[in-house]
N, C-alpha and C. Protein backbone atom coordinates (compact mmCIF):
# COMPACT_ATOMS: atom_id res chain seq x y z
N UNK A 1 139.09 58.49 70.08
CA UNK A 1 139.47 59.76 69.52
C UNK A 1 138.27 60.72 69.42
N UNK A 2 137.10 60.16 69.05
CA UNK A 2 135.89 60.99 68.96
C UNK A 2 135.52 61.53 70.33
N UNK A 3 135.65 60.70 71.35
CA UNK A 3 135.32 61.12 72.70
C UNK A 3 136.20 62.28 73.12
N UNK A 4 137.49 62.21 72.82
CA UNK A 4 138.42 63.27 73.19
C UNK A 4 138.07 64.57 72.44
N UNK A 5 137.69 64.46 71.17
CA UNK A 5 137.32 65.64 70.38
C UNK A 5 136.06 66.29 70.97
N UNK A 6 135.07 65.47 71.30
CA UNK A 6 133.85 66.01 71.89
C UNK A 6 134.14 66.68 73.24
N UNK A 7 135.02 66.05 74.01
CA UNK A 7 135.38 66.61 75.31
C UNK A 7 136.03 67.98 75.16
N UNK A 8 136.93 68.13 74.18
CA UNK A 8 137.61 69.41 73.95
C UNK A 8 136.60 70.46 73.49
N UNK A 9 135.71 70.08 72.58
CA UNK A 9 134.70 71.02 72.07
C UNK A 9 133.78 71.46 73.21
N UNK A 10 133.34 70.53 74.03
CA UNK A 10 132.49 70.89 75.17
C UNK A 10 133.23 71.74 76.19
N UNK A 11 134.52 71.49 76.35
CA UNK A 11 135.33 72.32 77.26
C UNK A 11 135.40 73.76 76.78
N UNK A 12 135.64 73.92 75.47
CA UNK A 12 135.67 75.28 74.92
C UNK A 12 134.30 75.95 75.03
N UNK A 13 133.24 75.18 74.80
CA UNK A 13 131.89 75.73 74.92
C UNK A 13 131.64 76.17 76.36
N UNK A 14 132.09 75.35 77.31
CA UNK A 14 131.93 75.70 78.71
C UNK A 14 132.68 76.96 79.06
N UNK A 15 133.89 77.10 78.54
CA UNK A 15 134.66 78.33 78.78
C UNK A 15 133.97 79.53 78.15
N UNK A 16 133.39 79.33 76.98
CA UNK A 16 132.66 80.41 76.31
C UNK A 16 131.46 80.86 77.12
N UNK A 17 130.73 79.90 77.67
CA UNK A 17 129.56 80.23 78.49
C UNK A 17 130.01 80.96 79.75
N UNK A 18 131.11 80.49 80.35
CA UNK A 18 131.61 81.14 81.55
C UNK A 18 132.05 82.57 81.25
N UNK A 19 132.75 82.75 80.12
CA UNK A 19 133.20 84.08 79.73
C UNK A 19 131.99 85.00 79.46
N UNK A 20 130.98 84.45 78.80
CA UNK A 20 129.77 85.25 78.54
C UNK A 20 129.11 85.64 79.85
N UNK A 21 129.06 84.72 80.83
CA UNK A 21 128.46 85.03 82.12
C UNK A 21 129.26 86.11 82.84
N UNK A 22 130.59 86.07 82.72
CA UNK A 22 131.41 87.12 83.33
C UNK A 22 131.11 88.48 82.73
N UNK A 23 130.86 88.51 81.42
CA UNK A 23 130.58 89.78 80.75
C UNK A 23 129.17 90.28 81.06
N UNK A 24 128.22 89.35 81.17
CA UNK A 24 126.82 89.73 81.36
C UNK A 24 126.50 89.97 82.84
N UNK A 25 127.18 89.32 83.74
CA UNK A 25 126.88 89.38 85.18
C UNK A 25 126.69 90.78 85.73
N UNK A 26 127.64 91.70 85.55
CA UNK A 26 127.44 93.06 86.09
C UNK A 26 126.26 93.79 85.44
N UNK A 27 126.00 93.49 84.20
CA UNK A 27 124.89 94.17 83.51
C UNK A 27 123.54 93.67 84.02
N UNK A 28 123.50 92.43 84.48
CA UNK A 28 122.25 91.90 85.01
C UNK A 28 121.85 92.68 86.27
N UNK A 29 122.81 92.93 87.15
CA UNK A 29 122.48 93.70 88.35
C UNK A 29 122.09 95.13 88.01
N UNK A 30 122.73 95.70 86.99
CA UNK A 30 122.36 97.06 86.56
C UNK A 30 120.95 97.08 85.98
N UNK A 31 120.63 96.07 85.17
CA UNK A 31 119.28 95.99 84.60
C UNK A 31 118.24 95.78 85.70
N UNK A 32 118.58 94.98 86.69
CA UNK A 32 117.66 94.75 87.80
C UNK A 32 117.41 96.05 88.57
N UNK A 33 118.47 96.84 88.76
CA UNK A 33 118.34 98.12 89.47
C UNK A 33 117.47 99.10 88.67
N UNK A 34 117.67 99.12 87.36
CA UNK A 34 116.85 100.00 86.52
C UNK A 34 115.38 99.59 86.57
N UNK A 35 115.12 98.29 86.59
CA UNK A 35 113.73 97.81 86.66
C UNK A 35 113.10 98.22 87.99
N UNK A 36 113.85 98.15 89.08
CA UNK A 36 113.32 98.57 90.37
C UNK A 36 113.04 100.07 90.39
N UNK A 37 113.94 100.86 89.79
CA UNK A 37 113.72 102.31 89.72
C UNK A 37 112.47 102.63 88.90
N UNK A 38 112.29 101.92 87.80
CA UNK A 38 111.11 102.15 86.96
C UNK A 38 109.84 101.78 87.72
N UNK A 39 109.89 100.68 88.47
CA UNK A 39 108.73 100.27 89.26
C UNK A 39 108.41 101.32 90.32
N UNK A 40 109.44 101.84 90.97
CA UNK A 40 109.22 102.87 91.99
C UNK A 40 108.62 104.14 91.40
N UNK A 41 108.94 104.42 90.16
CA UNK A 41 108.38 105.59 89.48
C UNK A 41 106.94 105.34 89.05
N UNK A 42 106.65 104.13 88.57
CA UNK A 42 105.34 103.84 88.01
C UNK A 42 104.26 103.56 89.05
N UNK A 43 104.63 102.97 90.17
CA UNK A 43 103.61 102.59 91.15
C UNK A 43 102.77 103.77 91.65
N UNK A 44 103.36 104.92 92.00
CA UNK A 44 102.50 106.05 92.41
C UNK A 44 101.59 106.53 91.29
N UNK A 45 102.08 106.52 90.07
CA UNK A 45 101.26 106.96 88.95
C UNK A 45 100.09 106.01 88.73
N UNK A 46 100.33 104.72 88.89
CA UNK A 46 99.25 103.75 88.73
C UNK A 46 98.21 103.91 89.83
N UNK A 47 98.67 104.11 91.06
CA UNK A 47 97.73 104.32 92.17
C UNK A 47 96.89 105.58 91.94
N UNK A 48 97.53 106.65 91.46
CA UNK A 48 96.82 107.89 91.19
C UNK A 48 95.79 107.70 90.08
N UNK A 49 96.17 106.96 89.04
CA UNK A 49 95.24 106.71 87.94
C UNK A 49 94.05 105.88 88.42
N UNK A 50 94.30 104.92 89.29
CA UNK A 50 93.20 104.09 89.82
C UNK A 50 92.25 104.95 90.65
N UNK A 51 92.79 105.83 91.47
CA UNK A 51 91.93 106.71 92.28
C UNK A 51 91.12 107.65 91.40
N UNK A 52 91.75 108.19 90.36
CA UNK A 52 91.04 109.07 89.43
C UNK A 52 89.92 108.33 88.72
N UNK A 53 90.19 107.09 88.32
CA UNK A 53 89.16 106.29 87.66
C UNK A 53 87.99 106.01 88.59
N UNK A 54 88.28 105.69 89.84
CA UNK A 54 87.21 105.45 90.80
C UNK A 54 86.38 106.70 91.03
N UNK A 55 87.02 107.84 91.16
CA UNK A 55 86.30 109.10 91.35
C UNK A 55 85.42 109.41 90.15
N UNK A 56 85.96 109.23 88.96
CA UNK A 56 85.18 109.51 87.74
C UNK A 56 83.99 108.56 87.63
N UNK A 57 84.18 107.31 88.00
CA UNK A 57 83.08 106.35 87.96
C UNK A 57 81.98 106.74 88.93
N UNK A 58 82.36 107.13 90.14
CA UNK A 58 81.35 107.55 91.13
C UNK A 58 80.60 108.78 90.65
N UNK A 59 81.32 109.75 90.08
CA UNK A 59 80.66 110.97 89.59
C UNK A 59 79.71 110.66 88.44
N UNK A 60 80.12 109.76 87.55
CA UNK A 60 79.24 109.39 86.44
C UNK A 60 77.99 108.68 86.95
N UNK A 61 78.16 107.81 87.93
CA UNK A 61 77.00 107.11 88.50
C UNK A 61 76.05 108.11 89.18
N UNK A 62 76.60 109.08 89.89
CA UNK A 62 75.76 110.10 90.54
C UNK A 62 75.02 110.94 89.50
N UNK A 63 75.70 111.27 88.41
CA UNK A 63 75.06 112.06 87.35
C UNK A 63 73.92 111.29 86.72
N UNK A 64 74.13 110.01 86.49
CA UNK A 64 73.07 109.19 85.90
C UNK A 64 71.91 109.06 86.88
N UNK A 65 72.22 108.88 88.15
CA UNK A 65 71.16 108.75 89.17
C UNK A 65 70.37 110.04 89.28
N UNK A 66 71.05 111.18 89.25
CA UNK A 66 70.36 112.46 89.35
C UNK A 66 69.50 112.73 88.12
N UNK A 67 69.93 112.29 86.95
CA UNK A 67 69.19 112.54 85.72
C UNK A 67 68.09 111.55 85.45
N UNK A 68 68.08 110.42 86.13
CA UNK A 68 67.09 109.38 85.83
C UNK A 68 65.64 109.75 86.15
N UNK A 69 65.33 110.57 87.16
CA UNK A 69 63.91 110.93 87.38
C UNK A 69 63.32 111.70 86.19
N UNK A 70 64.15 112.41 85.47
CA UNK A 70 63.66 113.18 84.32
C UNK A 70 63.57 112.34 83.05
N UNK A 71 63.96 111.10 83.11
CA UNK A 71 64.03 110.28 81.90
C UNK A 71 62.66 110.04 81.27
N UNK A 72 61.61 109.93 82.07
CA UNK A 72 60.28 109.65 81.52
C UNK A 72 59.44 110.90 81.30
N UNK A 73 59.95 112.07 81.57
CA UNK A 73 59.18 113.30 81.43
C UNK A 73 59.04 113.66 79.96
N UNK A 74 57.92 114.27 79.61
CA UNK A 74 57.73 114.68 78.22
C UNK A 74 58.72 115.77 77.82
N UNK A 75 59.15 115.67 76.60
CA UNK A 75 60.09 116.65 76.08
C UNK A 75 59.29 117.79 75.45
N UNK A 76 59.62 119.03 75.79
CA UNK A 76 58.85 120.13 75.19
C UNK A 76 59.06 120.17 73.68
N UNK A 77 57.96 120.33 72.98
CA UNK A 77 58.02 120.39 71.53
C UNK A 77 58.24 121.84 71.11
N UNK A 78 59.23 122.10 70.26
CA UNK A 78 59.49 123.48 69.86
C UNK A 78 58.34 124.09 69.07
N UNK A 79 57.41 123.26 68.53
CA UNK A 79 56.31 123.77 67.74
C UNK A 79 55.04 123.98 68.57
N UNK A 80 55.12 123.71 69.88
CA UNK A 80 53.99 123.95 70.76
C UNK A 80 53.02 122.79 70.86
N UNK A 81 53.28 121.68 70.22
CA UNK A 81 52.39 120.51 70.30
C UNK A 81 52.68 119.75 71.59
N UNK A 82 51.68 119.09 72.12
CA UNK A 82 51.86 118.29 73.33
C UNK A 82 52.63 117.02 72.95
N UNK A 83 53.63 116.74 73.70
CA UNK A 83 54.44 115.56 73.41
C UNK A 83 54.00 114.40 74.29
N UNK A 84 54.01 113.22 73.72
CA UNK A 84 53.65 112.03 74.47
C UNK A 84 54.91 111.27 74.86
N UNK A 85 54.83 110.66 75.99
CA UNK A 85 55.92 109.80 76.42
C UNK A 85 55.56 108.38 76.02
N UNK A 86 56.40 107.78 75.24
CA UNK A 86 56.14 106.43 74.77
C UNK A 86 57.04 105.49 75.56
N UNK A 87 56.42 104.57 76.26
CA UNK A 87 57.17 103.58 77.00
C UNK A 87 57.08 102.26 76.26
N UNK A 88 58.20 101.71 75.95
CA UNK A 88 58.21 100.42 75.24
C UNK A 88 58.74 99.36 76.20
N UNK A 89 58.06 98.24 76.17
CA UNK A 89 58.55 97.13 76.98
C UNK A 89 59.43 96.26 76.10
N UNK A 90 60.51 95.75 76.63
CA UNK A 90 61.38 94.91 75.80
C UNK A 90 60.68 93.61 75.44
N UNK A 91 60.93 93.17 74.23
CA UNK A 91 60.34 91.91 73.76
C UNK A 91 61.16 90.77 74.31
N UNK A 92 60.46 89.82 74.88
CA UNK A 92 61.19 88.66 75.42
C UNK A 92 61.15 87.53 74.40
N UNK A 93 62.20 86.78 74.36
CA UNK A 93 62.30 85.72 73.35
C UNK A 93 61.55 84.48 73.78
């Protein structure tokens, strides 16, 4: 008797799962289509952002390279005193 009861309960559960799959099935394909549309929209924007980042990085590197020869030059003192350039060597451990 227990076996028959379990069989009936599992049968109803199986029908419930099948019914749920019937209800969800069309929505899965719709959700998949929406995800593909979103990907098609985002991919060009991501590529553009990557190109912009690369350009900005190159420009920043060029700016640093152009400014580096002036890094050790004395800074003019607004009071007319001669300024010294102090070079410090890093302390090694």
